[in-house]
């Protein structure tokens, strides 16, 4: 029996219409936690980008990589429109994932 893997392309934001980051992972909950806590130093930690505002699921890693690469090439306005189509209030989709672990 073949194991099914799920890969995620996700967008984080610092705030509504703020700085955004597009990434890929096979463990969305772990990766968002790393962004929120600043465990991994880099762009998102430096600019306070930790709100999960959008994500897509893929079963093939190649499709996820292609989608991530394409989205990174998009004009900013296209990225903002994509977020607003599925999350018009720019809610943090991971807001309640770590209630016991994180304190705002």
PDB file of N, CA and C in Angstrom:
ATOM      1  N   UNK A   1       0.831  -1.183   0.000  1.00  0.00           N
ATOM      2  CA  UNK A   1       0.000   0.000   0.000  1.00  0.00           C
ATOM      3  C   UNK A   1       0.882   1.256   0.000  1.00  0.00           C
ATOM      4  N   UNK A   2       0.592   2.149  -0.907  1.00  0.00           N
ATOM      5  CA  UNK A   2       1.390   3.366  -1.048  1.00  0.00           C
ATOM      6  C   UNK A   2       0.924   4.427  -0.043  1.00  0.00           C
ATOM      7  N   UNK A   3       1.891   5.033   0.634  1.00  0.00           N
ATOM      8  CA  UNK A   3       1.595   6.100   1.578  1.00  0.00           C
ATOM      9  C   UNK A   3       1.270   7.383   0.818  1.00  0.00           C
ATOM     10  N   UNK A   4       0.209   8.029   1.242  1.00  0.00           N
ATOM     11  CA  UNK A   4      -0.175   9.299   0.621  1.00  0.00           C
ATOM     12  C   UNK A   4       0.430  10.431   1.441  1.00  0.00           C
ATOM     13  N   UNK A   5       1.159  11.272   0.751  1.00  0.00           N
ATOM     14  CA  UNK A   5       1.754  12.440   1.387  1.00  0.00           C
ATOM     15  C   UNK A   5       0.956  13.663   0.987  1.00  0.00           C
ATOM     16  N   UNK A   6       0.925  14.626   1.862  1.00  0.00           N
ATOM     17  CA  UNK A   6       0.279  15.901   1.549  1.00  0.00           C
ATOM     18  C   UNK A   6       1.327  16.995   1.680  1.00  0.00           C
ATOM     19  N   UNK A   7       1.355  17.838   0.686  1.00  0.00           N
ATOM     20  CA  UNK A   7       2.281  18.971   0.654  1.00  0.00           C
ATOM     21  C   UNK A   7       1.440  20.235   0.618  1.00  0.00           C
ATOM     22  N   UNK A   8       1.947  21.258   1.238  1.00  0.00           N
ATOM     23  CA  UNK A   8       1.210  22.515   1.360  1.00  0.00           C
ATOM     24  C   UNK A   8       2.016  23.663   0.779  1.00  0.00           C
ATOM     25  N   UNK A   9       1.339  24.506   0.028  1.00  0.00           N
ATOM     26  CA  UNK A   9       1.869  25.810  -0.352  1.00  0.00           C
ATOM     27  C   UNK A   9       1.069  26.797   0.490  1.00  0.00           C
ATOM     28  N   UNK A  10       1.776  27.673   1.176  1.00  0.00           N
ATOM     29  CA  UNK A  10       1.089  28.535   2.124  1.00  0.00           C
ATOM     30  C   UNK A  10       1.573  29.974   1.998  1.00  0.00           C
ATOM     31  N   UNK A  11       0.725  30.872   2.471  1.00  0.00           N
ATOM     32  CA  UNK A  11       1.072  32.291   2.504  1.00  0.00           C
ATOM     33  C   UNK A  11       0.918  32.781   3.939  1.00  0.00           C
ATOM     34  N   UNK A  12       1.959  33.424   4.423  1.00  0.00           N
ATOM     35  CA  UNK A  12       1.941  34.082   5.725  1.00  0.00           C
ATOM     36  C   UNK A  12       1.942  35.585   5.490  1.00  0.00           C
ATOM     37  N   UNK A  13       1.381  36.321   6.437  1.00  0.00           N
ATOM     38  CA  UNK A  13       1.374  37.783   6.354  1.00  0.00           C
ATOM     39  C   UNK A  13       1.710  38.378   7.702  1.00  0.00           C
ATOM     40  N   UNK A  14       2.256  39.581   7.676  1.00  0.00           N
ATOM     41  CA  UNK A  14       2.537  40.292   8.921  1.00  0.00           C
ATOM     42  C   UNK A  14       1.261  40.943   9.458  1.00  0.00           C
ATOM     43  N   UNK A  15       0.384  41.330   8.563  1.00  0.00           N
ATOM     44  CA  UNK A  15      -0.907  41.956   8.867  1.00  0.00           C
ATOM     45  C   UNK A  15      -1.666  42.060   7.554  1.00  0.00           C
ATOM     46  N   UNK A  16      -2.882  42.539   7.602  1.00  0.00           N
ATOM     47  CA  UNK A  16      -3.657  42.723   6.368  1.00  0.00           C
ATOM     48  C   UNK A  16      -2.889  43.649   5.422  1.00  0.00           C
ATOM     49  N   UNK A  17      -2.708  43.220   4.190  1.00  0.00           N
ATOM     50  CA  UNK A  17      -1.985  43.966   3.154  1.00  0.00           C
ATOM     51  C   UNK A  17      -0.543  44.274   3.536  1.00  0.00           C
ATOM     52  N   UNK A  18      -0.004  43.545   4.487  1.00  0.00           N
ATOM     53  CA  UNK A  18       1.369  43.771   4.925  1.00  0.00           C
ATOM     54  C   UNK A  18       2.368  42.936   4.149  1.00  0.00           C
ATOM     55  N   UNK A  19       3.487  42.665   4.785  1.00  0.00           N
ATOM     56  CA  UNK A  19       4.526  41.837   4.186  1.00  0.00           C
ATOM     57  C   UNK A  19       4.009  40.409   4.091  1.00  0.00           C
ATOM     58  N   UNK A  20       4.242  39.754   2.947  1.00  0.00           N
ATOM     59  CA  UNK A  20       3.801  38.374   2.779  1.00  0.00           C
ATOM     60  C   UNK A  20       4.972  37.473   2.432  1.00  0.00           C
ATOM     61  N   UNK A  21       4.779  36.198   2.729  1.00  0.00           N
ATOM     62  CA  UNK A  21       5.790  35.168   2.491  1.00  0.00           C
ATOM     63  C   UNK A  21       5.072  33.943   1.941  1.00  0.00           C
ATOM     64  N   UNK A  22       5.633  33.340   0.908  1.00  0.00           N
ATOM     65  CA  UNK A  22       5.079  32.126   0.325  1.00  0.00           C
ATOM     66  C   UNK A  22       6.069  30.995   0.569  1.00  0.00           C
ATOM     67  N   UNK A  23       5.568  29.879   1.068  1.00  0.00           N
ATOM     68  CA  UNK A  23       6.436  28.741   1.353  1.00  0.00           C
ATOM     69  C   UNK A  23       5.776  27.423   1.007  1.00  0.00           C
ATOM     70  N   UNK A  24       6.537  26.360   1.204  1.00  0.00           N
ATOM     71  CA  UNK A  24       6.071  24.999   0.938  1.00  0.00           C
ATOM     72  C   UNK A  24       6.536  24.113   2.088  1.00  0.00           C
ATOM     73  N   UNK A  25       5.703  23.126   2.437  1.00  0.00           N
ATOM     74  CA  UNK A  25       6.051  22.207   3.516  1.00  0.00           C
ATOM     75  C   UNK A  25       5.236  20.932   3.393  1.00  0.00           C
ATOM     76  N   UNK A  26       5.682  19.900   4.078  1.00  0.00           N
ATOM     77  CA  UNK A  26       4.883  18.675   4.153  1.00  0.00           C
ATOM     78  C   UNK A  26       4.237  18.545   5.541  1.00  0.00           C
ATOM     79  N   UNK A  27       4.444  19.536   6.406  1.00  0.00           N
ATOM     80  CA  UNK A  27       3.851  19.540   7.744  1.00  0.00           C
ATOM     81  C   UNK A  27       3.497  20.991   8.084  1.00  0.00           C
ATOM     82  N   UNK A  28       2.302  21.385   7.704  1.00  0.00           N
ATOM     83  CA  UNK A  28       1.898  22.784   7.826  1.00  0.00           C
ATOM     84  C   UNK A  28       1.877  23.244   9.283  1.00  0.00           C
ATOM     85  N   UNK A  29       1.354  22.424  10.174  1.00  0.00           N
ATOM     86  CA  UNK A  29       1.264  22.824  11.574  1.00  0.00           C
ATOM     87  C   UNK A  29       2.653  23.054  12.180  1.00  0.00           C
ATOM     88  N   UNK A  30       3.591  22.163  11.905  1.00  0.00           N
ATOM     89  CA  UNK A  30       4.949  22.323  12.414  1.00  0.00           C
ATOM     90  C   UNK A  30       5.608  23.561  11.833  1.00  0.00           C
ATOM     91  N   UNK A  31       5.459  23.749  10.534  1.00  0.00           N
ATOM     92  CA  UNK A  31       6.142  24.861   9.867  1.00  0.00           C
ATOM     93  C   UNK A  31       5.594  26.208  10.328  1.00  0.00           C
ATOM     94  N   UNK A  32       4.288  26.318  10.466  1.00  0.00           N
ATOM     95  CA  UNK A  32       3.701  27.569  10.938  1.00  0.00           C
ATOM     96  C   UNK A  32       4.161  27.843  12.368  1.00  0.00           C
ATOM     97  N   UNK A  33       4.241  26.801  13.180  1.00  0.00           N
ATOM     98  CA  UNK A  33       4.748  26.952  14.548  1.00  0.00           C
ATOM     99  C   UNK A  33       6.167  27.522  14.528  1.00  0.00           C
ATOM    100  N   UNK A  34       7.000  27.021  13.637  1.00  0.00           N
ATOM    101  CA  UNK A  34       8.372  27.529  13.523  1.00  0.00           C
ATOM    102  C   UNK A  34       8.376  29.014  13.162  1.00  0.00           C
ATOM    103  N   UNK A  35       7.488  29.411  12.264  1.00  0.00           N
ATOM    104  CA  UNK A  35       7.394  30.832  11.897  1.00  0.00           C
ATOM    105  C   UNK A  35       6.899  31.664  13.084  1.00  0.00           C
ATOM    106  N   UNK A  36       5.868  31.190  13.758  1.00  0.00           N
ATOM    107  CA  UNK A  36       5.281  31.954  14.857  1.00  0.00           C
ATOM    108  C   UNK A  36       6.237  32.132  16.030  1.00  0.00           C
ATOM    109  N   UNK A  37       7.060  31.143  16.291  1.00  0.00           N
ATOM    110  CA  UNK A  37       7.956  31.209  17.441  1.00  0.00           C
ATOM    111  C   UNK A  37       9.329  31.764  17.094  1.00  0.00           C
ATOM    112  N   UNK A  38       9.615  31.930  15.806  1.00  0.00           N
ATOM    113  CA  UNK A  38      10.922  32.438  15.397  1.00  0.00           C
ATOM    114  C   UNK A  38      12.042  31.427  15.560  1.00  0.00           C
ATOM    115  N   UNK A  39      11.687  30.157  15.664  1.00  0.00           N
ATOM    116  CA  UNK A  39      12.691  29.084  15.802  1.00  0.00           C
ATOM    117  C   UNK A  39      13.684  29.139  14.646  1.00  0.00           C
ATOM    118  N   UNK A  40      13.148  29.306  13.439  1.00  0.00           N
ATOM    119  CA  UNK A  40      13.994  29.406  12.249  1.00  0.00           C
ATOM    120  C   UNK A  40      14.243  30.883  11.971  1.00  0.00           C
ATOM    121  N   UNK A  41      15.483  31.270  12.014  1.00  0.00           N
ATOM    122  CA  UNK A  41      15.831  32.663  11.734  1.00  0.00           C
ATOM    123  C   UNK A  41      15.718  32.910  10.237  1.00  0.00           C
ATOM    124  N   UNK A  42      15.340  34.098   9.870  1.00  0.00           N
ATOM    125  CA  UNK A  42      15.234  34.422   8.453  1.00  0.00           C
ATOM    126  C   UNK A  42      14.209  35.507   8.203  1.00  0.00           C
ATOM    127  N   UNK A  43      13.708  35.532   6.980  1.00  0.00           N
ATOM    128  CA  UNK A  43      12.818  36.575   6.504  1.00  0.00           C
ATOM    129  C   UNK A  43      11.600  36.750   7.403  1.00  0.00           C
ATOM    130  N   UNK A  44      10.885  35.652   7.689  1.00  0.00           N
ATOM    131  CA  UNK A  44       9.636  35.785   8.440  1.00  0.00           C
ATOM    132  C   UNK A  44       9.881  36.257   9.867  1.00  0.00           C
ATOM    133  N   UNK A  45      10.954  35.815  10.462  1.00  0.00           N
ATOM    134  CA  UNK A  45      11.288  36.242  11.825  1.00  0.00           C
ATOM    135  C   UNK A  45      11.679  37.716  11.817  1.00  0.00           C
ATOM    136  N   UNK A  46      12.477  38.110  10.843  1.00  0.00           N
ATOM    137  CA  UNK A  46      12.959  39.487  10.741  1.00  0.00           C
ATOM    138  C   UNK A  46      11.822  40.487  10.542  1.00  0.00           C
ATOM    139  N   UNK A  47      10.813  40.109   9.733  1.00  0.00           N
ATOM    140  CA  UNK A  47       9.743  41.033   9.380  1.00  0.00           C
ATOM    141  C   UNK A  47       8.415  40.750  10.101  1.00  0.00           C
ATOM    142  N   UNK A  48       8.420  39.843  11.065  1.00  0.00           N
ATOM    143  CA  UNK A  48       7.208  39.573  11.836  1.00  0.00           C
ATOM    144  C   UNK A  48       6.080  38.972  11.023  1.00  0.00           C
ATOM    145  N   UNK A  49       6.422  38.117  10.098  1.00  0.00           N
ATOM    146  CA  UNK A  49       5.438  37.496   9.213  1.00  0.00           C
ATOM    147  C   UNK A  49       5.057  36.137   9.804  1.00  0.00           C
ATOM    148  N   UNK A  50       3.890  36.062  10.441  1.00  0.00           N
ATOM    149  CA  UNK A  50       3.534  34.807  11.106  1.00  0.00           C
ATOM    150  C   UNK A  50       2.050  34.448  11.056  1.00  0.00           C
ATOM    151  N   UNK A  51       1.239  35.249  10.393  1.00  0.00           N
ATOM    152  CA  UNK A  51      -0.192  34.933  10.267  1.00  0.00           C
ATOM    153  C   UNK A  51      -0.412  34.051   9.042  1.00  0.00           C
ATOM    154  N   UNK A  52      -0.945  32.857   9.242  1.00  0.00           N
ATOM    155  CA  UNK A  52      -1.285  31.988   8.122  1.00  0.00           C
ATOM    156  C   UNK A  52      -2.581  32.492   7.514  1.00  0.00           C
ATOM    157  N   UNK A  53      -2.505  33.023   6.297  1.00  0.00           N
ATOM    158  CA  UNK A  53      -3.689  33.612   5.674  1.00  0.00           C
ATOM    159  C   UNK A  53      -4.206  32.816   4.479  1.00  0.00           C
ATOM    160  N   UNK A  54      -3.421  31.828   4.016  1.00  0.00           N
ATOM    161  CA  UNK A  54      -3.841  31.052   2.844  1.00  0.00           C
ATOM    162  C   UNK A  54      -3.002  29.785   2.758  1.00  0.00           C
ATOM    163  N   UNK A  55      -3.618  28.695   2.311  1.00  0.00           N
ATOM    164  CA  UNK A  55      -2.845  27.500   1.985  1.00  0.00           C
ATOM    165  C   UNK A  55      -3.606  26.623   1.010  1.00  0.00           C
ATOM    166  N   UNK A  56      -2.861  25.818   0.294  1.00  0.00           N
ATOM    167  CA  UNK A  56      -3.399  24.830  -0.639  1.00  0.00           C
ATOM    168  C   UNK A  56      -2.727  23.499  -0.354  1.00  0.00           C
ATOM    169  N   UNK A  57      -3.429  22.395  -0.618  1.00  0.00           N
ATOM    170  CA  UNK A  57      -2.891  21.056  -0.423  1.00  0.00           C
ATOM    171  C   UNK A  57      -2.629  20.388  -1.767  1.00  0.00           C
ATOM    172  N   UNK A  58      -1.556  19.594  -1.809  1.00  0.00           N
ATOM    173  CA  UNK A  58      -1.182  18.835  -3.002  1.00  0.00           C
ATOM    174  C   UNK A  58      -0.742  17.437  -2.592  1.00  0.00           C
ATOM    175  N   UNK A  59      -0.985  16.453  -3.451  1.00  0.00           N
ATOM    176  CA  UNK A  59      -0.509  15.107  -3.172  1.00  0.00           C
ATOM    177  C   UNK A  59       0.839  14.837  -3.838  1.00  0.00           C
ATOM    178  N   UNK A  60       1.190  15.621  -4.815  1.00  0.00           N
ATOM    179  CA  UNK A  60       2.460  15.455  -5.516  1.00  0.00           C
ATOM    180  C   UNK A  60       3.373  16.634  -5.191  1.00  0.00           C
ATOM    181  N   UNK A  61       4.562  16.333  -4.696  1.00  0.00           N
ATOM    182  CA  UNK A  61       5.488  17.401  -4.317  1.00  0.00           C
ATOM    183  C   UNK A  61       5.846  18.271  -5.514  1.00  0.00           C
ATOM    184  N   UNK A  62       5.932  17.671  -6.692  1.00  0.00           N
ATOM    185  CA  UNK A  62       6.274  18.438  -7.892  1.00  0.00           C
ATOM    186  C   UNK A  62       5.220  19.502  -8.189  1.00  0.00           C
ATOM    187  N   UNK A  63       3.957  19.148  -7.993  1.00  0.00           N
ATOM    188  CA  UNK A  63       2.879  20.120  -8.219  1.00  0.00           C
ATOM    189  C   UNK A  63       2.960  21.261  -7.213  1.00  0.00           C
ATOM    190  N   UNK A  64       3.265  20.928  -5.969  1.00  0.00           N
ATOM    191  CA  UNK A  64       3.377  21.954  -4.931  1.00  0.00           C
ATOM    192  C   UNK A  64       4.537  22.896  -5.227  1.00  0.00           C
ATOM    193  N   UNK A  65       5.666  22.349  -5.624  1.00  0.00           N
ATOM    194  CA  UNK A  65       6.837  23.171  -5.952  1.00  0.00           C
ATOM    195  C   UNK A  65       6.536  24.091  -7.131  1.00  0.00           C
ATOM    196  N   UNK A  66       5.873  23.534  -8.150  1.00  0.00           N
ATOM    197  CA  UNK A  66       5.523  24.343  -9.319  1.00  0.00           C
ATOM    198  C   UNK A  66       4.574  25.479  -8.931  1.00  0.00           C
ATOM    199  N   UNK A  67       3.592  25.172  -8.094  1.00  0.00           N
ATOM    200  CA  UNK A  67       2.633  26.195  -7.657  1.00  0.00           C
ATOM    201  C   UNK A  67       3.335  27.284  -6.844  1.00  0.00           C
ATOM    202  N   UNK A  68       4.199  26.873  -5.920  1.00  0.00           N
ATOM    203  CA  UNK A  68       4.940  27.848  -5.112  1.00  0.00           C
ATOM    204  C   UNK A  68       5.779  28.760  -6.004  1.00  0.00           C
ATOM    205  N   UNK A  69       6.518  28.173  -6.922  1.00  0.00           N
ATOM    206  CA  UNK A  69       7.369  28.964  -7.816  1.00  0.00           C
ATOM    207  C   UNK A  69       6.550  29.932  -8.654  1.00  0.00           C
ATOM    208  N   UNK A  70       5.406  29.473  -9.164  1.00  0.00           N
ATOM    209  CA  UNK A  70       4.549  30.357  -9.957  1.00  0.00           C
ATOM    210  C   UNK A  70       3.999  31.497  -9.113  1.00  0.00           C
ATOM    211  N   UNK A  71       3.526  31.185  -7.915  1.00  0.00           N
ATOM    212  CA  UNK A  71       2.956  32.222  -7.052  1.00  0.00           C
ATOM    213  C   UNK A  71       3.998  33.272  -6.685  1.00  0.00           C
ATOM    214  N   UNK A  72       5.230  32.856  -6.481  1.00  0.00           N
ATOM    215  CA  UNK A  72       6.286  33.806  -6.133  1.00  0.00           C
ATOM    216  C   UNK A  72       6.570  34.775  -7.279  1.00  0.00           C
ATOM    217  N   UNK A  73       6.256  34.375  -8.498  1.00  0.00           N
ATOM    218  CA  UNK A  73       6.477  35.231  -9.664  1.00  0.00           C
ATOM    219  C   UNK A  73       5.301  36.190  -9.905  1.00  0.00           C
ATOM    220  N   UNK A  74       4.179  35.934  -9.279  1.00  0.00           N
ATOM    221  CA  UNK A  74       2.995  36.766  -9.482  1.00  0.00           C
ATOM    222  C   UNK A  74       3.218  38.191  -9.002  1.00  0.00           C
ATOM    223  N   UNK A  75       2.459  39.098  -9.589  1.00  0.00           N
ATOM    224  CA  UNK A  75       2.422  40.469  -9.096  1.00  0.00           C
ATOM    225  C   UNK A  75       1.786  40.457  -7.708  1.00  0.00           C
ATOM    226  N   UNK A  76       2.211  41.375  -6.874  1.00  0.00           N
ATOM    227  CA  UNK A  76       1.705  41.450  -5.501  1.00  0.00           C
ATOM    228  C   UNK A  76       0.173  41.498  -5.463  1.00  0.00           C
ATOM    229  N   UNK A  77      -0.424  42.266  -6.343  1.00  0.00           N
ATOM    230  CA  UNK A  77      -1.876  42.409  -6.359  1.00  0.00           C
ATOM    231  C   UNK A  77      -2.571  41.065  -6.578  1.00  0.00           C
ATOM    232  N   UNK A  78      -2.004  40.209  -7.409  1.00  0.00           N
ATOM    233  CA  UNK A  78      -2.578  38.889  -7.652  1.00  0.00           C
ATOM    234  C   UNK A  78      -2.541  38.058  -6.369  1.00  0.00           C
ATOM    235  N   UNK A  79      -1.449  38.148  -5.634  1.00  0.00           N
ATOM    236  CA  UNK A  79      -1.305  37.409  -4.370  1.00  0.00           C
ATOM    237  C   UNK A  79      -2.344  37.908  -3.360  1.00  0.00           C
ATOM    238  N   UNK A  80      -2.497  39.217  -3.269  1.00  0.00           N
ATOM    239  CA  UNK A  80      -3.474  39.787  -2.338  1.00  0.00           C
ATOM    240  C   UNK A  80      -4.890  39.364  -2.709  1.00  0.00           C
ATOM    241  N   UNK A  81      -5.192  39.349  -3.990  1.00  0.00           N
ATOM    242  CA  UNK A  81      -6.520  38.914  -4.444  1.00  0.00           C
ATOM    243  C   UNK A  81      -6.769  37.448  -4.109  1.00  0.00           C
ATOM    244  N   UNK A  82      -5.751  36.606  -4.262  1.00  0.00           N
ATOM    245  CA  UNK A  82      -5.886  35.186  -3.930  1.00  0.00           C
ATOM    246  C   UNK A  82      -6.224  35.025  -2.448  1.00  0.00           C
ATOM    247  N   UNK A  83      -5.525  35.742  -1.601  1.00  0.00           N
ATOM    248  CA  UNK A  83      -5.792  35.681  -0.155  1.00  0.00           C
ATOM    249  C   UNK A  83      -7.221  36.126   0.121  1.00  0.00           C
ATOM    250  N   UNK A  84      -7.621  37.247  -0.448  1.00  0.00           N
ATOM    251  CA  UNK A  84      -8.929  37.822  -0.145  1.00  0.00           C
ATOM    252  C   UNK A  84     -10.086  36.995  -0.684  1.00  0.00           C
ATOM    253  N   UNK A  85      -9.862  36.218  -1.753  1.00  0.00           N
ATOM    254  CA  UNK A  85     -10.916  35.343  -2.267  1.00  0.00           C
ATOM    255  C   UNK A  85     -11.325  34.306  -1.223  1.00  0.00           C
ATOM    256  N   UNK A  86     -10.349  33.731  -0.539  1.00  0.00           N
ATOM    257  CA  UNK A  86     -10.639  32.675   0.429  1.00  0.00           C
ATOM    258  C   UNK A  86     -10.654  33.129   1.873  1.00  0.00           C
ATOM    259  N   UNK A  87     -10.094  34.296   2.140  1.00  0.00           N
ATOM    260  CA  UNK A  87      -9.971  34.772   3.512  1.00  0.00           C
ATOM    261  C   UNK A  87     -10.113  36.299   3.517  1.00  0.00           C
ATOM    262  N   UNK A  88     -11.316  36.787   3.226  1.00  0.00           N
ATOM    263  CA  UNK A  88     -11.505  38.231   3.045  1.00  0.00           C
ATOM    264  C   UNK A  88     -11.166  39.079   4.270  1.00  0.00           C
ATOM    265  N   UNK A  89     -11.206  38.503   5.458  1.00  0.00           N
ATOM    266  CA  UNK A  89     -10.886  39.263   6.667  1.00  0.00           C
ATOM    267  C   UNK A  89      -9.432  39.112   7.086  1.00  0.00           C
ATOM    268  N   UNK A  90      -8.668  38.372   6.315  1.00  0.00           N
ATOM    269  CA  UNK A  90      -7.258  38.129   6.625  1.00  0.00           C
ATOM    270  C   UNK A  90      -7.108  37.525   8.027  1.00  0.00           C
ATOM    271  N   UNK A  91      -7.973  36.603   8.358  1.00  0.00           N
ATOM    272  CA  UNK A  91      -7.893  35.919   9.645  1.00  0.00           C
ATOM    273  C   UNK A  91      -6.673  35.012   9.662  1.00  0.00           C
ATOM    274  N   UNK A  92      -6.093  34.831  10.840  1.00  0.00           N
ATOM    275  CA  UNK A  92      -4.986  33.890  11.005  1.00  0.00           C
ATOM    276  C   UNK A  92      -5.600  32.496  11.078  1.00  0.00           C
ATOM    277  N   UNK A  93      -5.434  31.715  10.029  1.00  0.00           N
ATOM    278  CA  UNK A  93      -6.047  30.392   9.938  1.00  0.00           C
ATOM    279  C   UNK A  93      -5.473  29.415  10.963  1.00  0.00           C
ATOM    280  N   UNK A  94      -4.339  29.751  11.531  1.00  0.00           N
ATOM    281  CA  UNK A  94      -3.704  28.900  12.549  1.00  0.00           C
ATOM    282  C   UNK A  94      -3.853  29.502  13.945  1.00  0.00           C
ATOM    283  N   UNK A  95      -4.739  30.458  14.096  1.00  0.00           N
ATOM    284  CA  UNK A  95      -4.870  31.200  15.351  1.00  0.00           C
ATOM    285  C   UNK A  95      -5.048  30.301  16.568  1.00  0.00           C
ATOM    286  N   UNK A  96      -5.848  29.267  16.454  1.00  0.00           N
ATOM    287  CA  UNK A  96      -6.160  28.413  17.596  1.00  0.00           C
ATOM    288  C   UNK A  96      -5.340  27.123  17.650  1.00  0.00           C
ATOM    289  N   UNK A  97      -4.388  26.967  16.776  1.00  0.00           N
ATOM    290  CA  UNK A  97      -3.623  25.719  16.720  1.00  0.00           C
ATOM    291  C   UNK A  97      -2.729  25.511  17.932  1.00  0.00           C
ATOM    292  N   UNK A  98      -2.254  26.578  18.507  1.00  0.00           N
ATOM    293  CA  UNK A  98      -1.209  26.474  19.533  1.00  0.00           C
ATOM    294  C   UNK A  98      -1.591  27.183  20.822  1.00  0.00           C
ATOM    295  N   UNK A  99      -2.851  27.300  21.118  1.00  0.00           N
ATOM    296  CA  UNK A  99      -3.308  28.075  22.264  1.00  0.00           C
ATOM    297  C   UNK A  99      -2.556  27.746  23.551  1.00  0.00           C
ATOM    298  N   UNK A 100      -2.257  26.492  23.766  1.00  0.00           N
ATOM    299  CA  UNK A 100      -1.573  26.104  24.999  1.00  0.00           C
ATOM    300  C   UNK A 100      -0.073  26.372  24.961  1.00  0.00           C
ATOM    301  N   UNK A 101       0.467  26.599  23.762  1.00  0.00           N
ATOM    302  CA  UNK A 101       1.902  26.758  23.616  1.00  0.00           C
ATOM    303  C   UNK A 101       2.358  28.198  23.451  1.00  0.00           C
ATOM    304  N   UNK A 102       1.502  29.009  22.830  1.00  0.00           N
ATOM    305  CA  UNK A 102       1.890  30.385  22.509  1.00  0.00           C
ATOM    306  C   UNK A 102       1.068  31.390  23.299  1.00  0.00           C
ATOM    307  N   UNK A 103       1.714  32.420  23.707  1.00  0.00           N
ATOM    308  CA  UNK A 103       1.040  33.524  24.358  1.00  0.00           C
ATOM    309  C   UNK A 103       1.298  34.769  23.509  1.00  0.00           C
ATOM    310  N   UNK A 104       0.231  35.450  23.136  1.00  0.00           N
ATOM    311  CA  UNK A 104       0.372  36.647  22.282  1.00  0.00           C
ATOM    312  C   UNK A 104       1.111  37.738  23.007  1.00  0.00           C
TER     313      UNK A 104
END
